[in-house]
Amino acid sequence: MTPEPLTMSMTATPTNPRCGETLSLAFTVTNTTKKLTDVTSLKYTLQPGGLPLSLANNFNSVTVQCPQGWSARQSGGIFTITPDTPADGQVGAKGREFDIQNITVNNSPGTSTVEMEQVVGPDKTSFKIEAELSKTWPPLAITAFYANPHNSVVYGGTPQLVWEASLGAVIALEYNGKVIRNVKDAPSQPLPHSGSYDIDDPLYQSTVFTLVATSGPGALEDGQVTQQTSVSILPPTIDLAGQVAPGTTAPPTANLTWTTTSAPAATLAAAPGPEPQTAPV
């Protein structure tokens, strides 16, 4: 006589797991009959890999919690749970719960299938059911956006923009009417959700850069967030030195040397002296 199967169920915490976060799965087996059911084994199969139909890249760091009298064995994404003794395997109305914890959800939104199998009764009859988990991107957010070095450059300098946004965000950089959507020298590769970009255009005045993050495919809701950072021009500096030229007659002449930063030109003036002169730096 074919035994009555136990009722199997799965509860996910959180209910709708987000890519990159940690997930826990609680599996329960419940006996709806008035008799004890002899359980030989329970098996839970989770899909490894980085695809949308997979749950996690791997299950190397997971932990399994079993009630007293039960033990778990893992092989990749397959978790087999068996009673320590035949008496421990007798399941009544109270049922049993088994927890698989510390699952890191992969970075591919989609639906992953979890298979639950029970082997019960004297003839070791197998029953299987499946449950689905929907994986989504985390909420859209920008957590950092700034320019190196220190949000300022010398006159004619070029900054490096650095940002951090949520997984799955589609990134664009905007400034002075320009829009950058792809990795430099890789026109088919979109900017990553977390990364940096070296601006090629030299800056001659303070410039505002805008980071635009848009929801990518697989997000629960469409949305867009922006954040701005301003890159200023450092004030000019000058280092001037001079000495009277040896062997000159009155009036003496002097040799002047100078170095400047963050300036396109320098003006030389003597007091008293001739009219100021503009010199290249």
C-alpha atoms as a PDB file:
ATOM      1  CA  MET A   1       0.000   0.000   0.000  1.00  0.00           C
ATOM      2  CA  THR A   2       1.397   3.388  -1.001  1.00  0.00           C
ATOM      3  CA  PRO A   3       1.984   5.541   2.088  1.00  0.00           C
ATOM      4  CA  GLU A   4       0.535   8.997   2.444  1.00  0.00           C
ATOM      5  CA  PRO A   5       3.200  11.629   1.716  1.00  0.00           C
ATOM      6  CA  LEU A   6       4.145  14.216   4.287  1.00  0.00           C
ATOM      7  CA  THR A   7       3.216  17.818   3.514  1.00  0.00           C
ATOM      8  CA  MET A   8       6.369  19.670   2.467  1.00  0.00           C
ATOM      9  CA  SER A   9       6.743  23.444   2.440  1.00  0.00           C
ATOM     10  CA  MET A  10       9.478  26.078   2.160  1.00  0.00           C
ATOM     11  CA  THR A  11       9.668  29.527   3.753  1.00  0.00           C
ATOM     12  CA  ALA A  12      12.241  32.047   2.491  1.00  0.00           C
ATOM     13  CA  THR A  13      13.665  34.847   4.643  1.00  0.00           C
ATOM     14  CA  PRO A  14      13.496  37.406   3.114  1.00  0.00           C
ATOM     15  CA  THR A  15      10.442  36.404   1.096  1.00  0.00           C
ATOM     16  CA  ASN A  16      11.680  38.093  -2.089  1.00  0.00           C
ATOM     17  CA  PRO A  17      15.473  37.743  -1.949  1.00  0.00           C
ATOM     18  CA  ARG A  18      17.567  40.432  -3.578  1.00  0.00           C
ATOM     19  CA  CYS A  19      20.689  39.835  -5.590  1.00  0.00           C
ATOM     20  CA  GLY A  20      23.811  39.876  -3.439  1.00  0.00           C
ATOM     21  CA  GLU A  21      22.057  39.498  -0.085  1.00  0.00           C
ATOM     22  CA  THR A  22      21.991  36.576   2.335  1.00  0.00           C
ATOM     23  CA  LEU A  23      19.039  34.199   2.255  1.00  0.00           C
ATOM     24  CA  SER A  24      17.746  31.570   4.700  1.00  0.00           C
ATOM     25  CA  LEU A  25      15.379  28.743   3.762  1.00  0.00           C
ATOM     26  CA  ALA A  26      13.233  26.888   6.300  1.00  0.00           C
ATOM     27  CA  PHE A  27      11.848  23.514   5.169  1.00  0.00           C
ATOM     28  CA  THR A  28       9.060  21.791   7.066  1.00  0.00           C
ATOM     29  CA  VAL A  29       7.536  18.329   6.780  1.00  0.00           C
ATOM     30  CA  THR A  30       4.160  17.860   8.417  1.00  0.00           C
ATOM     31  CA  ASN A  31       2.135  14.701   8.944  1.00  0.00           C
ATOM     32  CA  THR A  32      -1.567  15.264   8.266  1.00  0.00           C
ATOM     33  CA  THR A  33      -2.536  11.702   9.176  1.00  0.00           C
ATOM     34  CA  LYS A  34      -3.123  10.292  12.635  1.00  0.00           C
ATOM     35  CA  LYS A  35      -0.347   7.760  12.187  1.00  0.00           C
ATOM     36  CA  LEU A  36       3.417   8.027  12.365  1.00  0.00           C
ATOM     37  CA  THR A  37       5.203   8.127   9.029  1.00  0.00           C
ATOM     38  CA  ASP A  38       8.593   6.473   8.687  1.00  0.00           C
ATOM     39  CA  VAL A  39      10.993   8.802   6.886  1.00  0.00           C
ATOM     40  CA  THR A  40      14.113   7.343   5.276  1.00  0.00           C
ATOM     41  CA  SER A  41      15.476  10.613   3.908  1.00  0.00           C
ATOM     42  CA  LEU A  42      14.656  14.173   2.872  1.00  0.00           C
ATOM     43  CA  LYS A  43      16.483  15.890   0.025  1.00  0.00           C
ATOM     44  CA  TYR A  44      16.517  19.563  -0.942  1.00  0.00           C
ATOM     45  CA  THR A  45      18.095  20.547  -4.250  1.00  0.00           C
ATOM     46  CA  LEU A  46      19.160  24.169  -4.830  1.00  0.00           C
ATOM     47  CA  GLN A  47      20.473  25.350  -8.195  1.00  0.00           C
ATOM     48  CA  PRO A  48      24.135  26.554  -8.251  1.00  0.00           C
ATOM     49  CA  GLY A  49      25.562  29.015 -10.781  1.00  0.00           C
ATOM     50  CA  GLY A  50      25.332  32.590 -11.943  1.00  0.00           C
ATOM     51  CA  LEU A  51      22.346  32.312 -14.289  1.00  0.00           C
ATOM     52  CA  PRO A  52      18.851  33.736 -13.641  1.00  0.00           C
ATOM     53  CA  LEU A  53      17.505  30.216 -13.013  1.00  0.00           C
ATOM     54  CA  SER A  54      20.264  29.545 -10.460  1.00  0.00           C
ATOM     55  CA  LEU A  55      20.016  30.579  -6.822  1.00  0.00           C
ATOM     56  CA  ALA A  56      23.655  31.111  -5.782  1.00  0.00           C
ATOM     57  CA  ASN A  57      27.088  30.916  -7.371  1.00  0.00           C
ATOM     58  CA  ASN A  58      27.987  28.253  -4.809  1.00  0.00           C
ATOM     59  CA  PHE A  59      26.891  26.941  -1.429  1.00  0.00           C
ATOM     60  CA  ASN A  60      30.305  26.737   0.203  1.00  0.00           C
ATOM     61  CA  SER A  61      29.456  28.893   3.233  1.00  0.00           C
ATOM     62  CA  VAL A  62      25.981  27.639   4.088  1.00  0.00           C
ATOM     63  CA  THR A  63      25.007  26.068   7.396  1.00  0.00           C
ATOM     64  CA  VAL A  64      22.266  23.514   8.014  1.00  0.00           C
ATOM     65  CA  GLN A  65      20.305  23.240  11.234  1.00  0.00           C
ATOM     66  CA  CYS A  66      18.477  19.996  12.017  1.00  0.00           C
ATOM     67  CA  PRO A  67      16.359  18.940  14.990  1.00  0.00           C
ATOM     68  CA  GLN A  68      17.855  16.467  17.416  1.00  0.00           C
ATOM     69  CA  GLY A  69      18.111  12.992  15.949  1.00  0.00           C
ATOM     70  CA  TRP A  70      18.660  14.129  12.367  1.00  0.00           C
ATOM     71  CA  SER A  71      21.846  14.762  10.348  1.00  0.00           C
ATOM     72  CA  ALA A  72      22.569  16.606   7.104  1.00  0.00           C
ATOM     73  CA  ARG A  73      24.940  15.783   4.263  1.00  0.00           C
ATOM     74  CA  GLN A  74      25.803  18.287   1.522  1.00  0.00           C
ATOM     75  CA  SER A  75      27.063  17.822  -2.012  1.00  0.00           C
ATOM     76  CA  GLY A  76      27.148  21.140  -3.830  1.00  0.00           C
ATOM     77  CA  GLY A  77      23.561  22.394  -3.880  1.00  0.00           C
ATOM     78  CA  ILE A  78      22.063  19.051  -2.803  1.00  0.00           C
ATOM     79  CA  PHE A  79      21.263  18.660   0.897  1.00  0.00           C
ATOM     80  CA  THR A  80      20.291  15.180   2.087  1.00  0.00           C
ATOM     81  CA  ILE A  81      18.846  14.872   5.598  1.00  0.00           C
ATOM     82  CA  THR A  82      18.449  11.507   7.320  1.00  0.00           C
ATOM     83  CA  PRO A  83      17.304  10.320  10.764  1.00  0.00           C
ATOM     84  CA  ASP A  84      20.011   8.992  13.046  1.00  0.00           C
ATOM     85  CA  THR A  85      17.838   6.012  13.975  1.00  0.00           C
ATOM     86  CA  PRO A  86      14.584   4.566  12.582  1.00  0.00           C
ATOM     87  CA  ALA A  87      12.783   5.843  15.682  1.00  0.00           C
ATOM     88  CA  ASP A  88      14.035   9.387  15.022  1.00  0.00           C
ATOM     89  CA  GLY A  89      12.590   9.102  11.510  1.00  0.00           C
ATOM     90  CA  GLN A  90       9.024   8.580  12.700  1.00  0.00           C
ATOM     91  CA  VAL A  91       7.229  11.861  12.006  1.00  0.00           C
ATOM     92  CA  GLY A  92       3.909  12.612  13.654  1.00  0.00           C
ATOM     93  CA  ALA A  93       1.606  15.601  13.841  1.00  0.00           C
ATOM     94  CA  LYS A  94       4.301  17.912  15.218  1.00  0.00           C
ATOM     95  CA  GLY A  95       6.361  17.586  12.049  1.00  0.00           C
ATOM     96  CA  ARG A  96       9.994  18.654  11.606  1.00  0.00           C
ATOM     97  CA  GLU A  97      11.805  21.806  10.434  1.00  0.00           C
ATOM     98  CA  PHE A  98      15.204  22.031   8.745  1.00  0.00           C
ATOM     99  CA  ASP A  99      17.002  25.326   8.041  1.00  0.00           C
ATOM    100  CA  ILE A 100      19.570  26.096   5.352  1.00  0.00           C
ATOM    101  CA  GLN A 101      21.196  29.445   6.156  1.00  0.00           C
ATOM    102  CA  ASN A 102      23.822  31.889   4.813  1.00  0.00           C
ATOM    103  CA  ILE A 103      22.963  31.476   1.127  1.00  0.00           C
ATOM    104  CA  THR A 104      24.379  34.380  -0.894  1.00  0.00           C
ATOM    105  CA  VAL A 105      21.990  35.079  -3.766  1.00  0.00           C
ATOM    106  CA  ASN A 106      23.716  35.463  -7.140  1.00  0.00           C
ATOM    107  CA  ASN A 107      23.668  38.658  -9.197  1.00  0.00           C
ATOM    108  CA  SER A 108      21.213  37.486 -11.851  1.00  0.00           C
ATOM    109  CA  PRO A 109      17.549  38.394 -11.310  1.00  0.00           C
ATOM    110  CA  GLY A 110      15.125  35.649 -12.216  1.00  0.00           C
ATOM    111  CA  THR A 111      13.224  32.666 -10.867  1.00  0.00           C
ATOM    112  CA  SER A 112      15.032  29.700  -9.344  1.00  0.00           C
ATOM    113  CA  THR A 113      13.390  26.346  -8.631  1.00  0.00           C
ATOM    114  CA  VAL A 114      13.968  24.407  -5.401  1.00  0.00           C
ATOM    115  CA  GLU A 115      13.157  20.690  -5.437  1.00  0.00           C
ATOM    116  CA  MET A 116      12.008  18.961  -2.255  1.00  0.00           C
ATOM    117  CA  GLU A 117      11.967  15.160  -2.068  1.00  0.00           C
ATOM    118  CA  GLN A 118      10.901  12.741   0.668  1.00  0.00           C
ATOM    119  CA  VAL A 119      11.481   9.011   0.841  1.00  0.00           C
ATOM    120  CA  VAL A 120       8.961   7.423   3.212  1.00  0.00           C
ATOM    121  CA  GLY A 121       7.297   4.163   4.218  1.00  0.00           C
ATOM    122  CA  PRO A 122       8.509   0.589   4.304  1.00  0.00           C
ATOM    123  CA  ASP A 123       8.836   0.509   0.515  1.00  0.00           C
ATOM    124  CA  LYS A 124      10.827   3.753   0.511  1.00  0.00           C
ATOM    125  CA  THR A 125       8.428   5.563  -1.770  1.00  0.00           C
ATOM    126  CA  SER A 126       9.686   8.866  -3.203  1.00  0.00           C
ATOM    127  CA  PHE A 127       7.552  12.015  -3.456  1.00  0.00           C
ATOM    128  CA  LYS A 128       8.772  15.278  -4.997  1.00  0.00           C
ATOM    129  CA  ILE A 129       7.441  18.820  -5.218  1.00  0.00           C
ATOM    130  CA  GLU A 130       8.963  22.101  -6.352  1.00  0.00           C
ATOM    131  CA  ALA A 131       8.920  25.659  -5.021  1.00  0.00           C
ATOM    132  CA  GLU A 132      10.036  28.845  -6.774  1.00  0.00           C
ATOM    133  CA  LEU A 133      12.077  31.791  -5.569  1.00  0.00           C
ATOM    134  CA  SER A 134      11.984  35.137  -7.367  1.00  0.00           C
ATOM    135  CA  LYS A 135      15.269  37.076  -7.203  1.00  0.00           C
ATOM    136  CA  THR A 136      15.284  40.825  -7.775  1.00  0.00           C
ATOM    137  CA  TRP A 137      17.767  43.702  -7.802  1.00  0.00           C
ATOM    138  CA  PRO A 138      18.141  45.652  -4.540  1.00  0.00           C
ATOM    139  CA  PRO A 139      16.477  49.098  -4.263  1.00  0.00           C
ATOM    140  CA  LEU A 140      17.985  51.694  -6.569  1.00  0.00           C
ATOM    141  CA  ALA A 141      20.472  53.937  -4.754  1.00  0.00           C
ATOM    142  CA  ILE A 142      23.720  55.890  -5.143  1.00  0.00           C
ATOM    143  CA  THR A 143      25.947  55.537  -2.091  1.00  0.00           C
ATOM    144  CA  ALA A 144      29.043  57.456  -3.278  1.00  0.00           C
ATOM    145  CA  PHE A 145      30.045  59.857  -6.045  1.00  0.00           C
ATOM    146  CA  TYR A 146      33.187  62.010  -5.998  1.00  0.00           C
ATOM    147  CA  ALA A 147      36.225  63.046  -8.028  1.00  0.00           C
ATOM    148  CA  ASN A 148      39.903  62.347  -7.498  1.00  0.00           C
ATOM    149  CA  PRO A 149      41.975  64.118  -6.379  1.00  0.00           C
ATOM    150  CA  HIS A 150      39.868  65.776  -3.636  1.00  0.00           C
ATOM    151  CA  ASN A 151      37.242  67.114  -6.068  1.00  0.00           C
ATOM    152  CA  SER A 152      39.711  69.669  -7.482  1.00  0.00           C
ATOM    153  CA  VAL A 153      42.283  69.829 -10.278  1.00  0.00           C
ATOM    154  CA  VAL A 154      44.904  72.280 -11.492  1.00  0.00           C
ATOM    155  CA  TYR A 155      44.013  74.597 -14.337  1.00  0.00           C
ATOM    156  CA  GLY A 156      43.739  72.408 -17.452  1.00  0.00           C
ATOM    157  CA  GLY A 157      43.775  69.224 -15.361  1.00  0.00           C
ATOM    158  CA  THR A 158      41.516  66.163 -15.716  1.00  0.00           C
ATOM    159  CA  PRO A 159      39.687  64.438 -12.839  1.00  0.00           C
ATOM    160  CA  GLN A 160      38.846  60.796 -12.203  1.00  0.00           C
ATOM    161  CA  LEU A 161      35.212  60.191 -11.265  1.00  0.00           C
ATOM    162  CA  VAL A 162      34.448  57.423  -8.756  1.00  0.00           C
ATOM    163  CA  TRP A 163      31.008  56.072  -7.856  1.00  0.00           C
ATOM    164  CA  GLU A 164      29.159  53.333  -5.990  1.00  0.00           C
ATOM    165  CA  ALA A 165      25.546  52.471  -6.828  1.00  0.00           C
ATOM    166  CA  SER A 166      23.248  49.550  -6.123  1.00  0.00           C
ATOM    167  CA  LEU A 167      23.580  46.233  -7.949  1.00  0.00           C
ATOM    168  CA  GLY A 168      21.834  46.217 -11.307  1.00  0.00           C
ATOM    169  CA  ALA A 169      21.862  49.984 -11.764  1.00  0.00           C
ATOM    170  CA  VAL A 170      22.419  51.285 -15.302  1.00  0.00           C
ATOM    171  CA  ILE A 171      24.973  54.114 -15.047  1.00  0.00           C
ATOM    172  CA  ALA A 172      25.511  57.294 -17.065  1.00  0.00           C
ATOM    173  CA  LEU A 173      27.870  60.250 -16.475  1.00  0.00           C
ATOM    174  CA  GLU A 174      26.820  63.714 -17.660  1.00  0.00           C
ATOM    175  CA  TYR A 175      28.715  67.035 -17.861  1.00  0.00           C
ATOM    176  CA  ASN A 176      28.857  70.032 -20.192  1.00  0.00           C
ATOM    177  CA  GLY A 177      26.195  68.513 -22.451  1.00  0.00           C
ATOM    178  CA  LYS A 178      28.065  65.212 -22.802  1.00  0.00           C
ATOM    179  CA  VAL A 179      26.783  61.767 -21.769  1.00  0.00           C
ATOM    180  CA  ILE A 180      29.063  58.789 -21.065  1.00  0.00           C
ATOM    181  CA  ARG A 181      27.432  55.349 -20.850  1.00  0.00           C
ATOM    182  CA  ASN A 182      30.204  52.917 -21.714  1.00  0.00           C
ATOM    183  CA  VAL A 183      33.604  51.892 -20.437  1.00  0.00           C
ATOM    184  CA  LYS A 184      36.422  53.822 -22.066  1.00  0.00           C
ATOM    185  CA  ASP A 185      37.777  52.046 -25.174  1.00  0.00           C
ATOM    186  CA  ALA A 186      34.971  49.468 -24.850  1.00  0.00           C
ATOM    187  CA  PRO A 187      31.919  50.962 -26.594  1.00  0.00           C
ATOM    188  CA  SER A 188      29.828  47.808 -26.160  1.00  0.00           C
ATOM    189  CA  GLN A 189      30.468  47.497 -22.408  1.00  0.00           C
ATOM    190  CA  PRO A 190      28.207  49.590 -20.160  1.00  0.00           C
ATOM    191  CA  LEU A 191      29.590  51.380 -17.132  1.00  0.00           C
ATOM    192  CA  PRO A 192      29.514  49.138 -14.031  1.00  0.00           C
ATOM    193  CA  HIS A 193      27.326  49.871 -11.023  1.00  0.00           C
ATOM    194  CA  SER A 194      30.542  50.487  -9.065  1.00  0.00           C
ATOM    195  CA  GLY A 195      33.613  51.888 -10.766  1.00  0.00           C
ATOM    196  CA  SER A 196      35.611  54.874 -11.990  1.00  0.00           C
ATOM    197  CA  TYR A 197      36.185  56.869 -15.175  1.00  0.00           C
ATOM    198  CA  ASP A 198      39.064  59.148 -16.204  1.00  0.00           C
ATOM    199  CA  ILE A 199      37.770  62.308 -17.874  1.00  0.00           C
ATOM    200  CA  ASP A 200      39.751  63.292 -20.971  1.00  0.00           C
ATOM    201  CA  ASP A 201      38.610  66.899 -21.341  1.00  0.00           C
ATOM    202  CA  PRO A 202      40.881  69.401 -19.533  1.00  0.00           C
ATOM    203  CA  LEU A 203      39.006  71.657 -17.122  1.00  0.00           C
ATOM    204  CA  TYR A 204      39.483  75.420 -17.147  1.00  0.00           C
ATOM    205  CA  GLN A 205      36.659  76.290 -14.776  1.00  0.00           C
ATOM    206  CA  SER A 206      34.633  74.628 -12.031  1.00  0.00           C
ATOM    207  CA  THR A 207      32.511  71.870 -13.554  1.00  0.00           C
ATOM    208  CA  VAL A 208      29.490  69.974 -12.251  1.00  0.00           C
ATOM    209  CA  PHE A 209      29.324  66.260 -13.023  1.00  0.00           C
ATOM    210  CA  THR A 210      26.089  64.258 -12.673  1.00  0.00           C
ATOM    211  CA  LEU A 211      25.806  60.532 -12.028  1.00  0.00           C
ATOM    212  CA  VAL A 212      22.529  59.042 -13.284  1.00  0.00           C
ATOM    213  CA  ALA A 213      21.506  55.583 -12.029  1.00  0.00           C
ATOM    214  CA  THR A 214      18.509  53.916 -13.696  1.00  0.00           C
ATOM    215  CA  SER A 215      16.761  50.672 -12.779  1.00  0.00           C
ATOM    216  CA  GLY A 216      18.006  47.769 -14.870  1.00  0.00           C
ATOM    217  CA  PRO A 217      16.103  44.757 -16.234  1.00  0.00           C
ATOM    218  CA  GLY A 218      14.847  42.572 -13.369  1.00  0.00           C
ATOM    219  CA  ALA A 219      14.098  45.409 -10.960  1.00  0.00           C
ATOM    220  CA  LEU A 220      10.761  45.364  -9.137  1.00  0.00           C
ATOM    221  CA  GLU A 221      10.070  48.970 -10.107  1.00  0.00           C
ATOM    222  CA  ASP A 222      11.373  51.385 -12.737  1.00  0.00           C
ATOM    223  CA  GLY A 223      13.165  54.387 -11.323  1.00  0.00           C
ATOM    224  CA  GLN A 224      16.025  56.836 -11.615  1.00  0.00           C
ATOM    225  CA  VAL A 225      18.218  58.605  -9.072  1.00  0.00           C
ATOM    226  CA  THR A 226      20.914  61.232  -9.616  1.00  0.00           C
ATOM    227  CA  GLN A 227      23.769  62.727  -7.650  1.00  0.00           C
ATOM    228  CA  GLN A 228      26.120  65.587  -8.493  1.00  0.00           C
ATOM    229  CA  THR A 229      29.673  66.456  -7.612  1.00  0.00           C
ATOM    230  CA  SER A 230      31.508  69.699  -8.430  1.00  0.00           C
ATOM    231  CA  VAL A 231      35.160  69.764  -9.448  1.00  0.00           C
ATOM    232  CA  SER A 232      36.858  73.094  -8.752  1.00  0.00           C
ATOM    233  CA  ILE A 233      40.071  74.596 -10.136  1.00  0.00           C
ATOM    234  CA  LEU A 234      42.920  74.922  -7.661  1.00  0.00           C
ATOM    235  CA  PRO A 235      44.217  78.479  -7.117  1.00  0.00           C
ATOM    236  CA  PRO A 236      47.505  79.288  -8.853  1.00  0.00           C
ATOM    237  CA  THR A 237      50.820  79.059  -7.045  1.00  0.00           C
ATOM    238  CA  ILE A 238      54.209  80.574  -7.971  1.00  0.00           C
ATOM    239  CA  ASP A 239      57.778  80.065  -6.877  1.00  0.00           C
ATOM    240  CA  LEU A 240      59.995  83.008  -7.975  1.00  0.00           C
ATOM    241  CA  ALA A 241      63.760  83.326  -7.589  1.00  0.00           C
ATOM    242  CA  GLY A 242      66.344  85.763  -8.971  1.00  0.00           C
ATOM    243  CA  GLN A 243      69.959  86.833  -8.778  1.00  0.00           C
ATOM    244  CA  VAL A 244      72.080  89.643 -10.155  1.00  0.00           C
ATOM    245  CA  ALA A 245      73.967  88.518 -13.210  1.00  0.00           C
ATOM    246  CA  PRO A 246      77.714  88.412 -12.435  1.00  0.00           C
ATOM    247  CA  GLY A 247      80.020  90.875 -14.230  1.00  0.00           C
ATOM    248  CA  THR A 248      77.302  93.331 -15.169  1.00  0.00           C
ATOM    249  CA  THR A 249      77.756  97.088 -15.018  1.00  0.00           C
ATOM    250  CA  ALA A 250      75.397  99.596 -13.576  1.00  0.00           C
ATOM    251  CA  PRO A 251      72.536  99.400 -13.775  1.00  0.00           C
ATOM    252  CA  PRO A 252      72.813  95.680 -12.877  1.00  0.00           C
ATOM    253  CA  THR A 253      70.690  93.009 -14.573  1.00  0.00           C
ATOM    254  CA  ALA A 254      69.055  90.073 -12.865  1.00  0.00           C
ATOM    255  CA  ASN A 255      68.166  86.551 -13.947  1.00  0.00           C
ATOM    256  CA  LEU A 256      64.663  85.529 -12.832  1.00  0.00           C
ATOM    257  CA  THR A 257      63.375  81.955 -12.677  1.00  0.00           C
ATOM    258  CA  TRP A 258      59.930  80.810 -11.674  1.00  0.00           C
ATOM    259  CA  THR A 259      57.591  77.859 -11.597  1.00  0.00           C
ATOM    260  CA  THR A 260      53.808  78.032 -11.393  1.00  0.00           C
ATOM    261  CA  THR A 261      50.895  75.657 -11.030  1.00  0.00           C
ATOM    262  CA  SER A 262      47.257  76.030 -12.090  1.00  0.00           C
ATOM    263  CA  ALA A 263      47.901  79.144 -14.229  1.00  0.00           C
ATOM    264  CA  PRO A 264      47.960  79.685 -18.019  1.00  0.00           C
ATOM    265  CA  ALA A 265      50.331  82.704 -17.870  1.00  0.00           C
ATOM    266  CA  ALA A 266      52.328  84.874 -15.470  1.00  0.00           C
ATOM    267  CA  THR A 267      52.855  88.647 -15.328  1.00  0.00           C
ATOM    268  CA  LEU A 268      56.256  90.060 -14.359  1.00  0.00           C
ATOM    269  CA  ALA A 269      56.397  93.501 -12.734  1.00  0.00           C
ATOM    270  CA  ALA A 270      59.148  95.505 -11.002  1.00  0.00           C
ATOM    271  CA  ALA A 271      58.676  98.273  -8.478  1.00  0.00           C
ATOM    272  CA  PRO A 272      59.871 100.725  -9.582  1.00  0.00           C
ATOM    273  CA  GLY A 273      60.400  99.497 -13.096  1.00  0.00           C
ATOM    274  CA  PRO A 274      59.055  99.225 -16.627  1.00  0.00           C
ATOM    275  CA  GLU A 275      55.556  98.218 -17.544  1.00  0.00           C
ATOM    276  CA  PRO A 276      54.499  94.679 -16.449  1.00  0.00           C
ATOM    277  CA  GLN A 277      55.188  91.947 -18.964  1.00  0.00           C
ATOM    278  CA  THR A 278      53.233  88.753 -19.531  1.00  0.00           C
ATOM    279  CA  ALA A 279      55.347  85.634 -19.786  1.00  0.00           C
ATOM    280  CA  PRO A 280      54.426  82.020 -20.546  1.00  0.00           C
ATOM    281  CA  VAL A 281      54.511  79.577 -17.670  1.00  0.00           C
END
